Amino acid sequence: MSSKSPQSRRLMDGIRGHWLIENSLHWVKDVIYEEDISPQTSGFAPINLSLLKTWVLTLIRAHGFDSIKAARA
């Protein structure tokens, strides 16, 4: 799906960067906080709640927790 050689360092870094974000933020918000099935769907509520959840995840990680479930317990 790209004209670059498969050994391109830049391509590899881009793919890893994408999955790092996906696995460390989006997946956690989807699975742990069930963001995809949130009942808030209108106005600024979804955006505000998403920002709040991201802020909480940042605080949890800043306090040294690797497991979000363990931090919530």
Protein backbone atom coordinates (compact mmCIF):
# COMPACT_ATOMS: atom_id res chain seq x y z
CA MET A 1 0.00 0.00 0.00
CA SER A 2 3.01 2.24 -0.27
CA SER A 3 5.62 3.01 -2.88
CA LYS A 4 8.37 2.95 -0.23
CA SER A 5 10.48 -0.14 0.28
CA PRO A 6 9.33 -2.34 3.16
CA GLN A 7 12.65 -1.72 4.88
CA SER A 8 12.13 2.02 5.07
CA ARG A 9 12.90 3.17 8.62
CA ARG A 10 10.46 6.07 8.30
CA LEU A 11 7.61 3.74 7.31
CA MET A 12 8.37 1.42 10.22
CA ASP A 13 8.50 4.32 12.69
CA GLY A 14 5.16 5.63 11.39
CA ILE A 15 3.46 2.26 11.80
CA ARG A 16 4.88 1.76 15.29
CA GLY A 17 3.86 5.28 16.28
CA HIS A 18 0.31 4.67 15.13
CA TRP A 19 -0.03 1.43 17.08
CA LEU A 20 1.58 2.95 20.15
CA ILE A 21 -1.18 5.57 20.26
CA GLU A 22 -3.86 3.00 19.43
CA ASN A 23 -2.76 0.59 22.15
CA SER A 24 -1.96 3.09 24.88
CA LEU A 25 -4.87 5.49 24.49
CA HIS A 26 -7.68 4.55 22.14
CA TRP A 27 -7.88 0.91 23.15
CA VAL A 28 -7.89 1.80 26.84
CA LYS A 29 -10.62 4.39 26.36
CA ASP A 30 -12.69 1.96 24.28
CA VAL A 31 -12.30 -1.13 26.48
CA ILE A 32 -11.78 0.17 30.01
CA TYR A 33 -13.99 3.26 29.83
CA GLU A 34 -16.39 1.85 27.20
CA GLU A 35 -16.21 5.10 25.27
CA ASP A 36 -17.65 3.61 22.08
CA ILE A 37 -20.93 2.72 23.80
CA SER A 38 -21.25 5.93 25.80
CA PRO A 39 -24.81 7.28 26.01
CA GLN A 40 -23.55 10.87 25.65
CA THR A 41 -23.87 11.57 21.94
CA SER A 42 -24.95 15.19 21.56
CA GLY A 43 -23.47 18.61 22.07
CA PHE A 44 -20.05 18.93 23.63
CA ALA A 45 -20.56 16.08 26.13
CA PRO A 46 -18.67 13.40 24.13
CA ILE A 47 -15.70 15.71 23.55
CA ASN A 48 -15.59 16.91 27.15
CA LEU A 49 -15.84 13.39 28.55
CA SER A 50 -13.15 12.13 26.17
CA LEU A 51 -10.80 14.92 27.27
CA LEU A 52 -11.54 14.16 30.91
CA LYS A 53 -10.83 10.45 30.41
CA THR A 54 -7.55 11.26 28.66
CA TRP A 55 -6.59 13.56 31.54
CA VAL A 56 -7.36 10.80 34.08
CA LEU A 57 -5.27 8.28 32.10
CA THR A 58 -2.39 10.76 32.06
CA LEU A 59 -2.61 11.21 35.84
CA ILE A 60 -2.77 7.45 36.42
CA ARG A 61 0.33 6.88 34.31
CA ALA A 62 2.13 9.84 35.89
CA HIS A 63 1.68 8.15 39.27
CA GLY A 64 3.48 5.04 38.02
CA PHE A 65 0.62 2.68 37.26
CA ASP A 66 1.09 0.39 34.28
CA SER A 67 -2.32 -1.22 34.69
CA ILE A 68 -5.31 1.08 34.40
CA LYS A 69 -7.53 -1.58 36.01
CA ALA A 70 -5.19 -1.78 39.00
CA ALA A 71 -5.19 1.98 39.37
CA ARG A 72 -8.99 2.12 39.34
CA ALA A 73 -9.31 -0.57 42.04
